[in-house]
Structure formats: structure tokens, C-alpha cells
Protein backbone atom coordinates (compact mmCIF):
# COMPACT_ATOMS: atom_id res chain seq x y z
CA UNK A 1 36.31 112.29 89.44
CA UNK A 2 36.82 115.34 87.25
CA UNK A 3 39.39 115.47 84.47
CA UNK A 4 41.41 117.87 86.62
CA UNK A 5 41.28 115.45 89.58
CA UNK A 6 42.23 112.53 87.34
CA UNK A 7 45.25 114.42 86.02
CA UNK A 8 46.27 115.38 89.54
CA UNK A 9 46.00 111.76 90.70
CA UNK A 10 48.06 110.59 87.73
CA UNK A 11 50.77 113.14 88.45
CA UNK A 12 50.82 112.10 92.13
CA UNK A 13 51.11 108.43 91.16
CA UNK A 14 53.91 109.23 88.73
CA UNK A 15 55.67 111.22 91.43
CA UNK A 16 55.36 108.36 93.92
CA UNK A 17 56.60 105.89 91.31
CA UNK A 18 59.60 108.10 90.56
CA UNK A 19 60.35 108.34 94.28
CA UNK A 20 60.09 104.59 94.64
CA UNK A 21 62.38 104.14 91.66
CA UNK A 22 64.88 106.55 93.23
CA UNK A 23 64.82 104.65 96.51
CA UNK A 24 65.24 101.36 94.65
CA UNK A 25 68.38 102.65 92.97
CA UNK A 26 69.79 104.24 96.11
CA UNK A 27 72.22 101.98 97.97
CA UNK A 28 74.80 101.45 100.64
CA UNK A 29 78.42 100.62 99.94
CA UNK A 30 80.93 99.47 102.55
CA UNK A 31 84.67 100.15 102.30
CA UNK A 32 87.16 97.63 103.69
CA UNK A 33 90.49 99.15 104.81
CA UNK A 34 93.56 98.52 106.96
CA UNK A 35 93.91 102.27 107.65
CA UNK A 36 92.03 102.38 110.95
CA UNK A 37 93.95 105.51 111.99
CA UNK A 38 92.20 107.75 109.47
CA UNK A 39 88.59 106.66 110.08
CA UNK A 40 87.56 110.13 111.27
CA UNK A 41 88.87 111.70 108.08
CA UNK A 42 86.80 109.34 105.95
CA UNK A 43 83.67 109.85 108.03
CA UNK A 44 83.97 113.61 108.51
CA UNK A 45 85.61 114.82 105.30
CA UNK A 46 85.83 112.35 102.42
CA UNK A 47 82.41 110.68 102.59
CA UNK A 48 80.49 113.96 103.17
CA UNK A 49 82.24 115.45 100.10
CA UNK A 50 81.21 112.44 98.01
CA UNK A 51 77.64 112.72 99.27
CA UNK A 52 77.40 116.29 97.99
CA UNK A 53 77.70 114.78 94.52
CA UNK A 54 75.86 111.52 95.23
CA UNK A 55 73.47 112.14 98.14
CA UNK A 56 71.53 108.92 97.45
CA UNK A 57 74.52 106.63 98.16
CA UNK A 58 75.34 105.75 101.76
CA UNK A 59 79.02 105.00 102.32
CA UNK A 60 80.20 103.05 105.38
CA UNK A 61 83.93 103.03 106.19
CA UNK A 62 84.75 99.76 107.96
CA UNK A 63 88.48 99.39 108.79
CA UNK A 64 90.35 96.50 110.40
CA UNK A 65 93.62 96.66 112.40
CA UNK A 66 96.53 96.70 109.89
CA UNK A 67 98.10 93.47 111.13
CA UNK A 68 94.76 91.63 110.88
CA UNK A 69 93.58 93.09 107.57
CA UNK A 70 94.87 90.55 105.05
CA UNK A 71 93.67 87.49 106.96
CA UNK A 72 90.33 89.05 107.93
CA UNK A 73 89.67 90.33 104.42
CA UNK A 74 90.49 86.97 102.83
CA UNK A 75 88.13 85.20 105.25
CA UNK A 76 85.30 87.64 104.48
CA UNK A 77 85.87 87.39 100.73
CA UNK A 78 85.81 83.60 100.86
CA UNK A 79 82.69 83.70 103.07
CA UNK A 80 80.89 86.22 100.89
CA UNK A 81 80.63 88.84 103.64
CA UNK A 82 83.27 91.35 102.52
CA UNK A 83 82.43 94.96 101.75
CA UNK A 84 81.74 96.41 98.31
CA UNK A 85 85.02 98.34 98.02
CA UNK A 86 88.35 96.76 98.93
CA UNK A 87 91.30 98.92 99.91
CA UNK A 88 94.20 97.37 98.01
CA UNK A 89 97.71 96.83 99.28
CA UNK A 90 100.34 97.20 96.55
CA UNK A 91 101.42 94.33 94.31
CA UNK A 92 101.17 90.65 95.16
CA UNK A 93 98.54 90.64 97.92
CA UNK A 94 96.05 92.41 95.65
CA UNK A 95 97.17 90.57 92.51
CA UNK A 96 96.42 87.32 94.33
CA UNK A 97 92.90 88.57 95.13
CA UNK A 98 92.35 89.43 91.46
CA UNK A 99 93.67 86.08 90.24
CA UNK A 100 91.28 84.32 92.62
CA UNK A 101 88.36 86.26 91.14
CA UNK A 102 87.74 88.50 94.16
CA UNK A 103 88.35 91.84 92.40
CA UNK A 104 86.66 93.34 89.33
CA UNK A 105 88.67 94.41 86.27
CA UNK A 106 88.61 98.22 86.08
CA UNK A 107 90.20 98.93 82.68
CA UNK A 108 87.11 100.79 81.42
CA UNK A 109 86.25 102.67 84.63
CA UNK A 110 85.84 106.39 83.83
CA UNK A 111 88.83 108.30 85.20
CA UNK A 112 91.40 105.52 84.81
CA UNK A 113 92.96 107.47 81.96
CA UNK A 114 94.15 110.00 84.56
CA UNK A 115 96.78 107.56 85.84
CA UNK A 116 100.14 106.82 84.30
CA UNK A 117 101.33 103.28 83.68
CA UNK A 118 103.77 103.84 86.57
CA UNK A 119 100.94 104.84 88.93
CA UNK A 120 98.98 101.69 88.03
CA UNK A 121 101.98 99.36 88.37
CA UNK A 122 101.04 98.03 91.80
CA UNK A 123 97.56 96.97 90.69
CA UNK A 124 98.11 95.73 87.16
CA UNK A 125 98.70 92.15 86.02
CA UNK A 126 102.25 91.13 85.14
CA UNK A 127 101.44 91.26 81.41
CA UNK A 128 100.20 94.85 81.80
CA UNK A 129 96.74 94.08 80.35
CA UNK A 130 94.39 94.39 83.30
CA UNK A 131 94.15 96.92 86.14
CA UNK A 132 92.04 95.90 89.13
CA UNK A 133 92.37 98.74 91.67
CA UNK A 134 92.23 102.52 91.28
CA UNK A 135 95.54 104.05 92.44
CA UNK A 136 94.86 106.34 95.40
CA UNK A 137 98.09 107.35 97.12
CA UNK A 138 101.84 106.99 97.24
CA UNK A 139 104.48 107.85 99.82
CA UNK A 140 107.83 109.47 99.02
CA UNK A 141 111.14 108.70 100.72
CA UNK A 142 113.64 111.26 101.91
CA UNK A 143 115.03 112.82 105.09
CA UNK A 144 113.21 114.96 107.64
CA UNK A 145 115.33 117.34 109.70
CA UNK A 146 115.01 119.39 112.85
CA UNK A 147 115.07 123.02 111.72
CA UNK A 148 116.14 124.34 115.11
CA UNK A 149 119.14 121.99 115.16
CA UNK A 150 120.18 123.05 111.67
CA UNK A 151 119.83 126.75 112.54
CA UNK A 152 121.81 126.47 115.78
CA UNK A 153 124.63 124.60 114.06
CA UNK A 154 124.61 126.72 110.90
CA UNK A 155 123.74 123.81 108.62
CA UNK A 156 122.03 123.87 105.23
CA UNK A 157 120.10 121.11 103.50
CA UNK A 158 122.70 118.80 101.93
CA UNK A 159 122.47 118.12 98.20
CA UNK A 160 125.38 115.69 97.93
CA UNK A 161 126.68 112.85 100.08
CA UNK A 162 129.82 114.88 100.76
CA UNK A 163 127.67 117.68 102.20
CA UNK A 164 125.51 115.15 104.07
CA UNK A 165 128.45 113.62 105.93
CA UNK A 166 129.98 117.04 106.57
CA UNK A 167 126.72 118.02 108.30
CA UNK A 168 126.71 114.79 110.28
CA UNK A 169 130.27 115.41 111.45
CA UNK A 170 129.30 118.86 112.72
CA UNK A 171 126.23 117.52 114.51
CA UNK A 172 128.24 114.73 116.12
CA UNK A 173 131.05 117.08 117.19
CA UNK A 174 128.57 119.48 118.80
CA UNK A 175 127.02 116.64 120.79
CA UNK A 176 123.62 118.27 121.43
CA UNK A 177 121.65 116.15 118.98
CA UNK A 178 121.69 112.56 117.72
CA UNK A 179 122.88 112.97 114.11
CA UNK A 180 120.83 110.12 112.55
CA UNK A 181 117.71 109.04 114.39
CA UNK A 182 117.01 105.43 113.43
CA UNK A 183 117.21 102.07 115.18
CA UNK A 184 117.60 98.51 113.97
CA UNK A 185 115.51 96.61 116.54
CA UNK A 186 112.53 96.31 114.19
CA UNK A 187 114.76 95.78 111.12
CA UNK A 188 112.30 97.07 108.51
CA UNK A 189 113.39 100.71 108.94
CA UNK A 190 116.96 99.77 107.99
CA UNK A 191 115.70 98.63 104.59
CA UNK A 192 112.71 100.91 104.03
CA UNK A 193 114.16 104.20 105.31
CA UNK A 194 117.76 103.25 104.69
CA UNK A 195 118.49 100.95 101.75
CA UNK A 196 115.38 101.80 99.69
CA UNK A 197 115.74 105.51 100.46
CA UNK A 198 119.27 106.08 99.20
CA UNK A 199 119.52 103.15 96.78
CA UNK A 200 117.65 104.55 93.74
CA UNK A 201 120.43 107.10 93.18
CA UNK A 202 122.84 104.16 92.84
CA UNK A 203 120.79 101.72 90.72
CA UNK A 204 119.11 104.46 88.64
CA UNK A 205 115.58 103.94 89.82
CA UNK A 206 113.28 102.06 87.48
CA UNK A 207 116.16 101.12 85.19
CA UNK A 208 117.82 99.15 87.96
CA UNK A 209 114.60 97.80 89.46
CA UNK A 210 113.49 96.33 86.14
CA UNK A 211 116.99 95.00 85.47
CA UNK A 212 116.80 93.03 88.74
CA UNK A 213 113.47 91.52 87.66
CA UNK A 214 114.83 90.52 84.26
CA UNK A 215 118.03 89.13 85.74
CA UNK A 216 120.25 91.59 83.85
CA UNK A 217 121.46 92.94 87.20
CA UNK A 218 122.24 91.15 90.43
CA UNK A 219 122.52 92.32 94.02
CA UNK A 220 126.23 91.59 93.86
CA UNK A 221 126.64 94.30 91.21
CA UNK A 222 128.40 97.52 92.23
CA UNK A 223 125.22 99.63 92.45
CA UNK A 224 123.80 97.47 95.26
CA UNK A 225 127.06 96.84 97.08
CA UNK A 226 127.73 100.59 97.02
CA UNK A 227 124.29 101.24 98.50
CA UNK A 228 125.12 98.93 101.41
CA UNK A 229 128.52 100.63 101.76
CA UNK A 230 126.85 104.02 102.06
CA UNK A 231 124.34 102.63 104.55
CA UNK A 232 127.17 101.19 106.68
CA UNK A 233 128.61 104.70 107.02
CA UNK A 234 125.53 105.77 109.01
CA UNK A 235 126.34 103.60 112.03
CA UNK A 236 128.79 105.99 113.80
CA UNK A 237 126.19 108.75 113.63
CA UNK A 238 123.31 106.79 115.13
CA UNK A 239 122.43 107.16 118.79
CA UNK A 240 123.80 105.15 121.69
CA UNK A 241 121.85 101.93 121.93
CA UNK A 242 120.47 102.17 118.40
CA UNK A 243 120.57 98.38 118.06
CA UNK A 244 117.79 98.18 120.68
CA UNK A 245 115.94 101.24 119.37
CA UNK A 246 112.46 100.55 117.96
CA UNK A 247 110.51 102.50 115.34
CA UNK A 248 108.34 104.05 118.06
CA UNK A 249 111.49 105.03 119.99
CA UNK A 250 112.82 106.84 116.92
CA UNK A 251 109.59 108.76 116.44
CA UNK A 252 109.59 109.85 120.08
CA UNK A 253 113.25 110.90 120.01
CA UNK A 254 112.66 113.10 116.97
CA UNK A 255 109.42 114.70 118.16
CA UNK A 256 111.12 115.57 121.45
CA UNK A 257 113.75 117.53 119.51
CA UNK A 258 116.64 115.27 120.53
CA UNK A 259 117.77 114.36 117.00
CA UNK A 260 118.82 116.33 113.93
CA UNK A 261 118.05 114.05 110.97
CA UNK A 262 115.38 111.39 110.62
CA UNK A 263 115.56 109.02 107.59
CA UNK A 264 111.94 109.00 106.61
CA UNK A 265 108.98 108.42 104.45
CA UNK A 266 106.50 111.21 103.86
CA UNK A 267 103.95 109.29 105.95
CA UNK A 268 105.75 110.61 109.04
CA UNK A 269 104.50 114.16 108.38
CA UNK A 270 101.05 113.41 109.80
CA UNK A 271 102.57 111.80 112.89
CA UNK A 272 104.95 114.68 113.59
CA UNK A 273 102.22 117.29 112.96
CA UNK A 274 99.95 115.52 115.44
CA UNK A 275 102.67 115.68 118.12
CA UNK A 276 103.10 119.42 117.55
CA UNK A 277 105.84 121.73 118.76
CA UNK A 278 108.63 120.66 116.41
CA UNK A 279 109.56 122.74 113.37
CA UNK A 280 110.87 120.41 110.68
CA UNK A 281 111.81 120.39 107.01
CA UNK A 282 112.81 117.79 104.45
CA UNK A 283 115.57 117.13 101.93
CA UNK A 284 115.78 114.48 99.24
CA UNK A 285 118.40 111.68 99.25
CA UNK A 286 121.82 113.29 98.70
CA UNK A 287 123.55 112.50 95.42
CA UNK A 288 126.61 110.21 95.42
CA UNK A 289 129.82 111.63 93.98
CA UNK A 290 129.66 112.06 90.22
CA UNK A 291 125.89 111.47 90.00
CA UNK A 292 123.88 114.29 88.40
CA UNK A 293 120.42 112.78 87.92
CA UNK A 294 118.44 112.35 91.11
CA UNK A 295 115.98 109.54 91.83
CA UNK A 296 113.40 109.28 94.60
CA UNK A 297 111.28 106.39 95.78
CA UNK A 298 107.68 107.48 95.14
CA UNK A 299 106.20 104.23 96.35
CA UNK A 300 102.66 103.36 95.27
CA UNK A 301 101.04 102.43 98.55
CA UNK A 302 97.23 102.35 98.46
CA UNK A 303 94.53 101.61 95.89
CA UNK A 304 90.82 100.74 95.89
CA UNK A 305 89.02 97.95 94.05
CA UNK A 306 85.55 96.42 93.82
CA UNK A 307 84.52 93.14 95.40
CA UNK A 308 83.44 90.84 92.56
CA UNK A 309 80.57 89.58 94.74
CA UNK A 310 79.31 93.05 95.64
CA UNK A 311 75.56 93.43 95.04
CA UNK A 312 76.02 97.15 94.49
CA UNK A 313 78.83 97.41 91.97
CA UNK A 314 77.14 100.32 90.17
CA UNK A 315 77.41 102.60 93.22
CA UNK A 316 80.87 101.27 94.06
CA UNK A 317 81.99 102.30 90.56
CA UNK A 318 80.54 105.78 91.10
CA UNK A 319 82.60 106.13 94.26
CA UNK A 320 85.81 104.92 92.62
CA UNK A 321 85.25 107.23 89.66
CA UNK A 322 84.93 110.12 92.14
CA UNK A 323 88.29 109.19 93.71
CA UNK A 324 89.94 110.09 90.39
CA UNK A 325 88.72 113.70 90.72
CA UNK A 326 90.72 116.80 91.74
CA UNK A 327 88.28 117.28 94.63
CA UNK A 328 89.12 113.91 96.18
CA UNK A 329 92.86 114.39 95.56
CA UNK A 330 92.85 117.75 97.36
CA UNK A 331 90.82 116.52 100.33
CA UNK A 332 92.90 113.36 100.75
CA UNK A 333 96.28 115.05 100.37
CA UNK A 334 95.48 117.74 102.93
CA UNK A 335 93.71 115.50 105.42
CA UNK A 336 96.65 113.07 105.32
CA UNK A 337 99.74 115.14 104.50
CA UNK A 338 102.46 112.87 103.18
CA UNK A 339 100.09 110.57 101.28
CA UNK A 340 100.12 111.86 97.72
CA UNK A 341 97.45 111.49 95.02
CA UNK A 342 98.46 109.44 91.99
CA UNK A 343 95.98 110.87 89.48
CA UNK A 344 97.27 113.43 87.01
CA UNK A 345 95.07 116.17 88.48
CA UNK A 346 95.94 119.39 90.27
CA UNK A 347 95.74 119.16 94.06
CA UNK A 348 96.38 122.21 96.21
CA UNK A 349 98.54 120.85 99.05
CA UNK A 350 98.81 123.20 102.01
CA UNK A 351 101.36 121.48 104.27
CA UNK A 352 104.77 122.97 103.36
CA UNK A 353 106.77 119.81 104.13
CA UNK A 354 104.35 117.66 102.15
CA UNK A 355 104.68 120.13 99.30
CA UNK A 356 108.47 119.83 99.54
CA UNK A 357 108.30 116.04 99.19
CA UNK A 358 105.86 116.35 96.29
CA UNK A 359 108.07 118.88 94.48
CA UNK A 360 110.71 116.17 94.04
CA UNK A 361 108.50 114.51 91.44
CA UNK A 362 109.30 117.45 89.18
CA UNK A 363 113.02 117.44 89.97
CA UNK A 364 113.88 113.74 90.00
CA UNK A 365 112.96 110.50 88.29
CA UNK A 366 110.65 108.35 90.40
CA UNK A 367 110.71 104.66 91.22
CA UNK A 368 109.27 102.17 93.70
CA UNK A 369 110.91 99.83 96.21
CA UNK A 370 112.76 97.19 94.25
CA UNK A 371 111.61 94.25 96.40
CA UNK A 372 107.87 94.75 95.94
CA UNK A 373 107.05 93.60 92.41
CA UNK A 374 107.56 89.89 91.65
CA UNK A 375 110.80 89.50 93.64
CA UNK A 376 109.15 88.74 96.99
CA UNK A 377 106.87 85.92 95.79
CA UNK A 378 109.18 83.09 96.77
CA UNK A 379 111.03 81.79 99.80
CA UNK A 380 113.19 83.36 101.15
CA UNK A 381 111.10 86.51 100.74
CA UNK A 382 113.31 89.29 99.34
CA UNK A 383 111.58 92.07 101.26
CA UNK A 384 112.21 90.37 104.61
CA UNK A 385 115.70 89.41 103.49
CA UNK A 386 116.56 93.06 102.83
CA UNK A 387 115.23 94.00 106.27
CA UNK A 388 117.59 91.50 107.83
CA UNK A 389 120.76 92.22 105.87
CA UNK A 390 120.30 96.02 106.00
CA UNK A 391 119.99 95.85 109.80
CA UNK A 392 123.06 93.63 110.01
CA UNK A 393 125.08 96.07 107.89
CA UNK A 394 124.17 98.89 110.27
CA UNK A 395 124.91 96.68 113.28
CA UNK A 396 128.33 95.79 111.89
CA UNK A 397 127.57 92.05 111.91
CA UNK A 398 127.65 91.79 108.12
CA UNK A 399 129.79 93.56 105.53
CA UNK A 400 128.21 95.26 102.50
CA UNK A 401 129.61 92.52 100.24
CA UNK A 402 128.20 89.80 102.50
CA UNK A 403 124.80 91.50 102.59
CA UNK A 404 124.66 91.77 98.81
CA UNK A 405 125.73 88.15 98.39
CA UNK A 406 123.09 86.87 100.82
CA UNK A 407 120.33 88.83 99.10
CA UNK A 408 121.44 87.48 95.72
CA UNK A 409 121.95 83.89 96.87
CA UNK A 410 118.54 83.78 98.56
CA UNK A 411 116.81 85.23 95.50
CA UNK A 412 118.56 82.71 93.26
CA UNK A 413 117.16 79.84 95.36
CA UNK A 414 113.73 80.28 93.79
CA UNK A 415 113.84 82.96 91.06
CA UNK A 416 114.96 81.58 87.68
CA UNK A 417 116.28 84.81 86.10
CA UNK A 418 118.90 84.91 88.88
CA UNK A 419 119.92 81.24 88.65
């Protein structure tokens, strides 16, 4: 073999070795999720965008039905068959996974410095030392309204409660539209789109939420009783038969153009866009009399962590680092309007109603639902308790004072700061 041939053979061998090394480092990562409704977006938009940056990593999106996710995920984690990346629910469900050793600590993951302490709240230990999921998205509470109804009746977006009830009176008097489109059959809407929507303006957002955790405030305090009093005022404006009206019923009523105002979370935008045909806008929770500072519930909803038993943590970390980028934030926010990025990066959001919701971050102080952190760990569960009492207030089977007392008494049964 000539020197030239020897050199050529050596280069070929080196090339083959490099290729083999590349293949050895290439891998597949699987994502566990409860969001089975957005699988096409992951497969057709998010994963292809990631692969432009990391073409050697294969990503498989493997969702479970929402109601089965927690149990199925726990079984797979215990059995060692769970995916590499775990989509994290907010607060205690994910904290429990971390405490059991199922999730990796992510304090030093590149990109984590793009998130505020508030954004990381749902996936950080109680002492604030360790974060175990990358914050991905939040949802914002407010009111969605039928633009055609408002135009026909000469209404403008209300900024105060006085204006809100004046609009409702006009809608009710006209009789064409249901003024407030919400039912109490499923209970959770009464708390999530009712109590937790308007309440932050009364208990001053994070100030009140943290005061409940510390025990400095109680549900029997004026801020919480007044929230229930305001909620009780909705009942005369809700549709006939609202006590038997389900969440799905409410969505259908609104998309058919039969209602004027829909107490909402921003997650509804995608649903209403998919139905098509209805022109809608949004306004933030109206301010109570005498209140100048506005607060909105910007509830941290979805994060992503790494399975501690994953055999491909290196590639999983590359994917999570990419989710902190402006590129991911823009794709996610536009593919799922109403689910907002939590990283401090610029995302160009095209949906006008989603942009309206997002603009409230700059106008108001933000908070999260006050039942989610710590206060729903015992029995009775505060979250479920608020569902029940909020529905009863709207149904007229419980007074605001009674609702506040039951929430406080049940919390005091197991939570020491309220005893």
C-alpha cells in the first residue's frame, strides 16, 4: 500500500469512527404528558423546530388521557418504564414526585435564569432551594365577551364592578343574550372562573395568598367574604337552568352566540377559535369600588422535568434548555393561544385576544390560585372545598358568610397555622 493509500485509509477509518461516535451519542427521548389534545402541535411544529437545532435527537411525544395521567405516570415511574421527560402539573403532585426521587434537580440547567421566582413557584421546594421542573406555560383569568352582543347593545368593556353590573342589567333587560354564561353542575367553574377570577382584587393577590399560608389571614376575613358576596350577585344574571348546566354546556352556549359574557381562563381561546364563527374579546376582572390597583390570576399551569431514571438525561437536558428559548416560546404561544410562556423572553403572539390577556401582566400585579400551594395537602382538600362552597353560593344554598366559615373551619381541621 502506498503512503497515499495508507493516508486515505486512515482518513476513512477516522471518518467511520467519528460517524460511529456520533451515532453512539445520538438518542431518543420520550415526553410524558397529560395534554393529549395538542399532540399534533408537538409532532408537527415543536419537535421539528427542535430538530433543526438538534437533528441527532429523536423526540417522541407520548401523552395519556388527562384523568389517567397521574396514576399512569406514577405506575410507570415506580416500574421504571416512564419516559425521559415528565410534563409537570403545578405544585404538590410534582413536588411529591421530586421528594420521592423521581425528578432531577434543575437548579443549574442553562436557561433557568430566564425565569422569575414567581414563575418557578409551582415547581420549587417549600424552602425555595431546589427547582425540579422548567416552567413552560401559565393561563390567565378574566372574562371573554361576545363582541356582536356588546355592539348591538351599545356596551363597552367594563373597568369597574359598577360598570360590570350596569352592563349585565342592560343585557338582561334586552333579553336576547344570557348575561353570564356559567353553570354550577360541575362545581369547579364556580371556584376557578368565579371565586379565583375576581378574588385577587379583594385579597391583593400574592399578599393575601401568602397571608393565608402563614395564617395571618383567614377565609372569614372581609376580603374573602366580600369575594363570595360579589360572586353571589352573579346568580340573577345566569341562564335558566344554570344549576344543571355543565362546563361543556357553557362552552356550547357561548360559541353559538347565545351569551354575552363568559367568565373564563385564557385556555378557552383555543377552544373558541377551533369552533369558528364567533367574534370575541376579553376584559380583565373589574375593580371593586375604591380599589385602584388591579390583580389578575396568572396561574402557573405546566412545566417539564427529567425522569431521574432516564438513561438519556444529557439529551433530555438539551431539550429542556431549548424550551427556555424565544423560539420555543413563540411557537408554543401561537400554536396554543391562551397558554403563555413563563420565560423572560420576547414572544411575538399573533392572536389578538391572547395578546389582550397577556397585556394584563404589564398593567396589573399577578398571582396564582390561592388553594394550590400547600393549602390543599390535607383533608378536607381546600381546592375541592372551594369548588363546593362557591357553587353553593351561586345556587343560593349557602350565604357568603357560611361559605367563608366552612372553608376556614375545614382548613383549620388539619392546617396548624389556622388552628
